[in-house]
Amino acid sequence: MTASVLAQLAALKGLPTPALKRRWRDLFETEPPPYNRRFLESRLAYRIQELAYGGLKPETVDRLEALAEDLDGGGPAKRCARGSHRPIAGTRLIREWQAVEHCVTVRDDGYEYRGRPYKSLSAIARAITGTRWNGWVFFGLKNQRARS
């Protein structure tokens, strides 16, 4: 990397967010997206290097687009849909809360707790605790600190 490119990359960390957004407008000729600072910095760093050294080869872009098409069929609705990470129907989730064991059964269309159907684990966690919980965290299916 040339000194000029390295200096531009290093300078990104010290810029205030409004300056990063101005830089975005200069480099991309569009309005910056409403994402966090880390996203802006990483995309700006990529763009600076892309402009200095060139971007991906057209063959690489075509290959990536073909792979994406194979994975999601190319439809925007399919791309935005979350995959189902629910446990398999019939799975029993057991959680002890205040010395009482609570058992939830996963169904095809939701969950069952104490013979009553529920649409979400969060609703069950609230019924158990009386406070709002992320159901996945409450039942240990997702680490509270993990981002997924």
Protein backbone atom coordinates (compact mmCIF):
# COMPACT_ATOMS: atom_id res chain seq x y z
CA MET A 1 0.00 0.00 0.00
CA THR A 2 1.15 3.45 -0.73
CA ALA A 3 1.68 5.96 2.04
CA SER A 4 -1.24 8.05 0.79
CA VAL A 5 -3.69 5.14 1.01
CA LEU A 6 -2.37 4.13 4.43
CA ALA A 7 -2.70 7.71 5.67
CA GLN A 8 -6.31 7.88 4.44
CA LEU A 9 -7.15 4.59 6.14
CA ALA A 10 -5.56 5.65 9.41
CA ALA A 11 -7.36 8.99 9.32
CA LEU A 12 -10.78 7.29 9.24
CA LYS A 13 -10.51 6.28 12.91
CA GLY A 14 -10.07 9.87 14.03
CA LEU A 15 -12.84 11.42 11.96
CA PRO A 16 -16.11 12.35 13.66
CA THR A 17 -19.19 10.63 12.27
CA PRO A 18 -20.43 13.69 10.28
CA ALA A 19 -17.03 13.81 8.56
CA LEU A 20 -17.27 10.08 7.75
CA LYS A 21 -20.64 10.74 6.15
CA ARG A 22 -19.20 13.58 4.08
CA ARG A 23 -16.38 11.28 3.01
CA TRP A 24 -19.00 8.67 2.05
CA ARG A 25 -20.77 11.19 -0.17
CA ASP A 26 -17.44 12.07 -1.85
CA LEU A 27 -16.39 8.47 -2.48
CA PHE A 28 -19.72 6.80 -3.28
CA GLU A 29 -21.68 9.78 -4.64
CA THR A 30 -24.72 8.63 -2.63
CA GLU A 31 -26.15 9.38 0.76
CA PRO A 32 -24.58 7.29 3.54
CA PRO A 33 -26.68 4.45 4.93
CA PRO A 34 -28.05 4.74 8.47
CA TYR A 35 -25.62 2.18 9.87
CA ASN A 36 -23.17 2.41 12.72
CA ARG A 37 -19.77 4.02 12.66
CA ARG A 38 -17.86 0.73 12.35
CA PHE A 39 -19.77 -0.13 9.17
CA LEU A 40 -19.05 3.29 7.66
CA GLU A 41 -15.34 3.00 8.49
CA SER A 42 -14.99 -0.49 7.01
CA ARG A 43 -16.84 0.34 3.79
CA LEU A 44 -14.92 3.61 3.38
CA ALA A 45 -11.63 1.77 3.91
CA TYR A 46 -12.60 -0.75 1.26
CA ARG A 47 -13.67 1.99 -1.16
CA ILE A 48 -10.41 3.95 -0.70
CA GLN A 49 -8.42 0.83 -1.54
CA GLU A 50 -10.75 -0.07 -4.40
CA LEU A 51 -10.28 3.32 -6.01
CA ALA A 52 -6.51 3.20 -5.50
CA TYR A 53 -5.86 -0.38 -6.61
CA GLY A 54 -8.96 -1.41 -8.54
CA GLY A 55 -11.95 -3.47 -7.51
CA LEU A 56 -12.88 -7.04 -8.14
CA LYS A 57 -12.40 -8.42 -11.62
CA PRO A 58 -15.63 -8.61 -13.64
CA GLU A 59 -15.27 -12.41 -13.72
CA THR A 60 -15.17 -12.48 -9.93
CA VAL A 61 -18.28 -10.28 -9.65
CA ASP A 62 -20.09 -12.54 -12.13
CA ARG A 63 -19.07 -15.65 -10.18
CA LEU A 64 -20.24 -14.15 -6.86
CA GLU A 65 -23.57 -13.15 -8.39
CA ALA A 66 -24.02 -16.67 -9.79
CA LEU A 67 -23.28 -18.21 -6.38
CA ALA A 68 -25.78 -15.86 -4.72
CA GLU A 69 -28.39 -16.78 -7.31
CA ASP A 70 -27.82 -20.49 -6.60
CA LEU A 71 -28.23 -19.92 -2.87
CA ASP A 72 -31.30 -17.74 -2.76
CA GLY A 73 -32.95 -17.86 -6.15
CA GLY A 74 -32.31 -14.17 -6.62
CA GLY A 75 -35.61 -13.03 -5.13
CA PRO A 76 -35.51 -10.11 -2.68
CA ALA A 77 -38.14 -11.71 -0.45
CA LYS A 78 -36.10 -14.88 -0.25
CA ARG A 79 -32.91 -12.94 0.51
CA CYS A 80 -34.56 -11.05 3.37
CA ALA A 81 -36.29 -14.06 4.91
CA ARG A 82 -34.72 -15.36 8.07
CA GLY A 83 -33.90 -19.01 8.15
CA SER A 84 -35.78 -21.02 10.72
CA HIS A 85 -33.48 -21.86 13.57
CA ARG A 86 -36.28 -23.15 15.74
CA PRO A 87 -35.72 -26.46 17.46
CA ILE A 88 -37.38 -29.47 15.84
CA ALA A 89 -41.04 -30.05 16.72
CA GLY A 90 -41.28 -32.32 19.75
CA THR A 91 -38.18 -30.89 21.41
CA ARG A 92 -38.68 -30.19 25.11
CA LEU A 93 -37.06 -27.08 26.57
CA ILE A 94 -36.56 -27.22 30.31
CA ARG A 95 -35.71 -24.19 32.44
CA GLU A 96 -35.56 -23.90 36.18
CA TRP A 97 -36.81 -20.58 37.52
CA GLN A 98 -36.99 -19.80 41.23
CA ALA A 99 -36.62 -23.49 42.15
CA VAL A 100 -39.47 -24.52 39.81
CA GLU A 101 -38.81 -26.55 36.67
CA HIS A 102 -40.69 -25.29 33.60
CA CYS A 103 -41.07 -27.47 30.51
CA VAL A 104 -41.96 -26.17 27.04
CA THR A 105 -42.67 -28.39 24.04
CA VAL A 106 -41.81 -27.14 20.55
CA ARG A 107 -44.69 -27.62 18.11
CA ASP A 108 -44.88 -27.17 14.34
CA ASP A 109 -46.86 -23.96 14.77
CA GLY A 110 -45.33 -22.56 17.96
CA TYR A 111 -44.81 -23.77 21.50
CA GLU A 112 -46.82 -25.37 24.29
CA TYR A 113 -46.44 -24.53 27.96
CA ARG A 114 -48.72 -26.02 30.64
CA GLY A 115 -51.11 -27.28 27.97
CA ARG A 116 -51.54 -23.84 26.43
CA PRO A 117 -50.28 -22.84 22.95
CA TYR A 118 -47.90 -19.89 22.56
CA LYS A 119 -46.53 -18.24 19.43
CA SER A 120 -43.19 -17.24 20.98
CA LEU A 121 -40.73 -18.25 23.66
CA SER A 122 -40.68 -14.65 24.84
CA ALA A 123 -44.36 -14.87 25.74
CA ILE A 124 -43.68 -18.02 27.74
CA ALA A 125 -40.69 -16.43 29.51
CA ARG A 126 -42.92 -13.50 30.44
CA ALA A 127 -45.62 -15.85 31.75
CA ILE A 128 -43.00 -17.57 33.91
CA THR A 129 -41.13 -14.52 35.20
CA GLY A 130 -43.64 -11.70 34.98
CA THR A 131 -41.05 -9.57 33.17
CA ARG A 132 -39.98 -9.13 29.56
CA TRP A 133 -37.30 -11.56 28.41
CA ASN A 134 -35.86 -12.61 25.09
CA GLY A 135 -37.26 -16.15 25.02
CA TRP A 136 -34.24 -17.56 23.20
CA VAL A 137 -31.94 -16.17 25.88
CA PHE A 138 -34.21 -17.25 28.75
CA PHE A 139 -34.26 -20.85 27.55
CA GLY A 140 -30.53 -20.90 26.77
CA LEU A 141 -30.90 -21.20 22.99
CA LYS A 142 -28.97 -17.98 22.38
CA ASN A 143 -26.18 -16.38 24.35
CA GLN A 144 -27.24 -12.93 25.51
CA ARG A 145 -23.95 -11.44 24.29
CA ALA A 146 -23.85 -13.31 20.98
CA ARG A 147 -25.03 -11.61 17.80
CA SER A 148 -26.66 -13.89 15.32
